[in-house]
Amino acid sequence: MLPVANGCESEGDFCCQLKANPKAWKFFRELAPTHRRRFVIWIYTAKRPETREKRIRESIALLAARKKLCLE
């Protein structure tokens, strides 16, 4: 089961690390729910913990730069 992306209550590590970066957290909150959900699903569909951590780091860097996730 995937965590819910509406408000960052249950995203675990991603939420903690995201809130630690004010610029990334501010932009994440400004995104439409669809875009927030993309980040969360992309992170939590990783099978290995190492991959999940890498995706968290990449996501926070993108969000801090005010960029959306583009998987294409």
N, C-alpha and C. Protein backbone atom coordinates (compact mmCIF):
# COMPACT_ATOMS: atom_id res chain seq x y z
N MET A 1 0.83 -1.18 0.00
CA MET A 1 0.00 0.00 0.00
C MET A 1 0.89 1.25 0.00
N LEU A 2 0.54 2.23 -0.82
CA LEU A 2 1.31 3.45 -0.93
C LEU A 2 0.78 4.51 0.03
N PRO A 3 1.67 5.36 0.53
CA PRO A 3 1.23 6.43 1.40
C PRO A 3 0.42 7.47 0.63
N VAL A 4 -0.35 8.22 1.37
CA VAL A 4 -1.18 9.27 0.77
C VAL A 4 -0.35 10.54 0.65
N ALA A 5 -0.53 11.27 -0.45
CA ALA A 5 0.30 12.45 -0.71
C ALA A 5 -0.37 13.77 -0.39
N ASN A 6 -1.48 13.75 0.29
CA ASN A 6 -2.20 15.01 0.50
C ASN A 6 -1.94 15.59 1.88
N GLY A 7 -0.81 16.20 2.07
CA GLY A 7 -0.55 16.84 3.34
C GLY A 7 0.67 16.27 4.02
N CYS A 8 1.22 15.22 3.52
CA CYS A 8 2.50 14.71 3.99
C CYS A 8 2.42 14.14 5.41
N GLU A 9 1.28 13.61 5.83
CA GLU A 9 1.20 13.04 7.17
C GLU A 9 1.84 11.66 7.26
N SER A 10 1.77 10.89 6.19
CA SER A 10 2.20 9.50 6.31
C SER A 10 3.24 9.08 5.29
N GLU A 11 4.08 10.01 4.87
CA GLU A 11 5.11 9.65 3.91
C GLU A 11 6.44 9.27 4.55
N GLY A 12 6.51 9.26 5.87
CA GLY A 12 7.69 8.77 6.55
C GLY A 12 8.94 9.58 6.28
N ASP A 13 9.99 8.90 5.84
CA ASP A 13 11.29 9.52 5.63
C ASP A 13 11.23 10.70 4.66
N PHE A 14 10.49 10.55 3.59
CA PHE A 14 10.40 11.62 2.60
C PHE A 14 9.86 12.88 3.25
N CYS A 15 8.83 12.75 4.04
CA CYS A 15 8.22 13.91 4.68
C CYS A 15 9.21 14.60 5.62
N CYS A 16 9.91 13.83 6.43
CA CYS A 16 10.87 14.40 7.37
C CYS A 16 11.98 15.16 6.65
N GLN A 17 12.52 14.53 5.60
CA GLN A 17 13.61 15.16 4.86
C GLN A 17 13.11 16.36 4.06
N LEU A 18 11.90 16.27 3.55
CA LEU A 18 11.32 17.36 2.79
C LEU A 18 11.10 18.58 3.69
N LYS A 19 10.56 18.37 4.86
CA LYS A 19 10.31 19.48 5.78
C LYS A 19 11.61 20.11 6.28
N ALA A 20 12.70 19.37 6.23
CA ALA A 20 14.00 19.90 6.65
C ALA A 20 14.56 20.88 5.62
N ASN A 21 13.99 20.89 4.42
CA ASN A 21 14.43 21.81 3.36
C ASN A 21 13.28 22.78 3.09
N PRO A 22 13.33 23.98 3.66
CA PRO A 22 12.20 24.92 3.54
C PRO A 22 11.80 25.25 2.10
N LYS A 23 12.77 25.42 1.20
CA LYS A 23 12.44 25.76 -0.19
C LYS A 23 11.70 24.60 -0.86
N ALA A 24 12.19 23.39 -0.65
CA ALA A 24 11.55 22.21 -1.25
C ALA A 24 10.16 22.00 -0.66
N TRP A 25 10.04 22.15 0.64
CA TRP A 25 8.75 21.96 1.32
C TRP A 25 7.72 22.98 0.83
N LYS A 26 8.14 24.23 0.69
CA LYS A 26 7.23 25.29 0.23
C LYS A 26 6.73 24.97 -1.18
N PHE A 27 7.63 24.58 -2.09
CA PHE A 27 7.22 24.28 -3.46
C PHE A 27 6.33 23.04 -3.50
N PHE A 28 6.66 22.03 -2.70
CA PHE A 28 5.85 20.81 -2.66
C PHE A 28 4.41 21.14 -2.28
N ARG A 29 4.25 22.01 -1.29
CA ARG A 29 2.90 22.40 -0.86
C ARG A 29 2.17 23.20 -1.93
N GLU A 30 2.88 23.90 -2.79
CA GLU A 30 2.27 24.69 -3.87
C GLU A 30 1.82 23.82 -5.04
N LEU A 31 2.38 22.62 -5.16
CA LEU A 31 2.05 21.75 -6.28
C LEU A 31 0.61 21.23 -6.19
N ALA A 32 0.05 20.95 -7.34
CA ALA A 32 -1.27 20.32 -7.39
C ALA A 32 -1.15 18.90 -6.82
N PRO A 33 -2.22 18.37 -6.27
CA PRO A 33 -2.17 17.02 -5.70
C PRO A 33 -1.62 15.96 -6.65
N THR A 34 -1.90 16.08 -7.93
CA THR A 34 -1.40 15.12 -8.91
C THR A 34 0.12 15.11 -8.94
N HIS A 35 0.73 16.27 -8.91
CA HIS A 35 2.19 16.35 -8.95
C HIS A 35 2.82 15.87 -7.64
N ARG A 36 2.18 16.18 -6.52
CA ARG A 36 2.68 15.67 -5.24
C ARG A 36 2.63 14.15 -5.23
N ARG A 37 1.52 13.62 -5.71
CA ARG A 37 1.34 12.16 -5.75
C ARG A 37 2.40 11.49 -6.62
N ARG A 38 2.78 12.12 -7.73
CA ARG A 38 3.82 11.55 -8.60
C ARG A 38 5.12 11.35 -7.84
N PHE A 39 5.52 12.37 -7.08
CA PHE A 39 6.75 12.25 -6.30
C PHE A 39 6.65 11.09 -5.32
N VAL A 40 5.56 11.04 -4.57
CA VAL A 40 5.40 10.01 -3.54
C VAL A 40 5.37 8.61 -4.15
N ILE A 41 4.62 8.43 -5.21
CA ILE A 41 4.54 7.11 -5.85
C ILE A 41 5.90 6.70 -6.41
N TRP A 42 6.58 7.63 -7.05
CA TRP A 42 7.90 7.33 -7.63
C TRP A 42 8.87 6.88 -6.53
N ILE A 43 8.83 7.55 -5.40
CA ILE A 43 9.73 7.19 -4.30
C ILE A 43 9.37 5.83 -3.71
N TYR A 44 8.10 5.62 -3.41
CA TYR A 44 7.70 4.43 -2.67
C TYR A 44 7.45 3.20 -3.53
N THR A 45 7.62 3.30 -4.84
CA THR A 45 7.57 2.10 -5.67
C THR A 45 8.96 1.52 -5.87
N ALA A 46 9.97 2.16 -5.33
CA ALA A 46 11.33 1.62 -5.39
C ALA A 46 11.37 0.34 -4.56
N LYS A 47 11.99 -0.68 -5.11
CA LYS A 47 12.02 -1.98 -4.42
C LYS A 47 13.12 -2.05 -3.37
N ARG A 48 14.24 -1.38 -3.62
CA ARG A 48 15.36 -1.45 -2.68
C ARG A 48 15.44 -0.17 -1.85
N PRO A 49 15.79 -0.29 -0.59
CA PRO A 49 15.91 0.90 0.26
C PRO A 49 16.91 1.92 -0.29
N GLU A 50 17.98 1.43 -0.92
CA GLU A 50 18.99 2.33 -1.48
C GLU A 50 18.38 3.18 -2.60
N THR A 51 17.56 2.54 -3.42
CA THR A 51 16.90 3.25 -4.51
C THR A 51 15.92 4.27 -3.96
N ARG A 52 15.19 3.89 -2.92
CA ARG A 52 14.24 4.81 -2.29
C ARG A 52 14.96 6.05 -1.75
N GLU A 53 16.09 5.84 -1.07
CA GLU A 53 16.86 6.96 -0.53
C GLU A 53 17.38 7.86 -1.65
N LYS A 54 17.85 7.25 -2.74
CA LYS A 54 18.34 8.03 -3.88
C LYS A 54 17.21 8.87 -4.47
N ARG A 55 16.03 8.29 -4.59
CA ARG A 55 14.89 9.02 -5.15
C ARG A 55 14.44 10.15 -4.22
N ILE A 56 14.54 9.93 -2.92
CA ILE A 56 14.21 10.99 -1.97
C ILE A 56 15.16 12.17 -2.17
N ARG A 57 16.46 11.87 -2.26
CA ARG A 57 17.45 12.94 -2.46
C ARG A 57 17.19 13.69 -3.77
N GLU A 58 16.93 12.94 -4.85
CA GLU A 58 16.67 13.56 -6.15
C GLU A 58 15.40 14.40 -6.11
N SER A 59 14.38 13.90 -5.45
CA SER A 59 13.11 14.64 -5.37
C SER A 59 13.28 15.95 -4.62
N ILE A 60 13.99 15.91 -3.52
CA ILE A 60 14.20 17.13 -2.74
C ILE A 60 15.02 18.14 -3.53
N ALA A 61 16.01 17.67 -4.28
CA ALA A 61 16.80 18.58 -5.11
C ALA A 61 15.93 19.22 -6.19
N LEU A 62 15.07 18.44 -6.82
CA LEU A 62 14.16 18.98 -7.84
C LEU A 62 13.21 20.00 -7.23
N LEU A 63 12.62 19.65 -6.11
CA LEU A 63 11.65 20.54 -5.46
C LEU A 63 12.31 21.84 -5.00
N ALA A 64 13.52 21.75 -4.48
CA ALA A 64 14.24 22.95 -4.05
C ALA A 64 14.54 23.86 -5.23
N ALA A 65 14.70 23.26 -6.42
CA ALA A 65 14.93 24.03 -7.65
C ALA A 65 13.61 24.42 -8.32
N ARG A 66 12.49 24.14 -7.66
CA ARG A 66 11.15 24.46 -8.16
C ARG A 66 10.86 23.75 -9.48
N LYS A 67 11.24 22.47 -9.55
CA LYS A 67 11.00 21.67 -10.75
C LYS A 67 10.07 20.52 -10.41
N LYS A 68 9.23 20.16 -11.38
CA LYS A 68 8.33 19.03 -11.22
C LYS A 68 9.02 17.76 -11.69
N LEU A 69 8.51 16.64 -11.25
CA LEU A 69 9.05 15.34 -11.63
C LEU A 69 8.62 15.02 -13.06
N CYS A 70 9.59 14.70 -13.89
CA CYS A 70 9.31 14.33 -15.28
C CYS A 70 9.95 12.96 -15.51
N LEU A 71 9.12 11.95 -15.64
CA LEU A 71 9.62 10.58 -15.78
C LEU A 71 9.72 10.13 -17.23
N GLU A 72 9.43 10.98 -18.16
CA GLU A 72 9.46 10.59 -19.57
C GLU A 72 10.77 10.93 -20.22
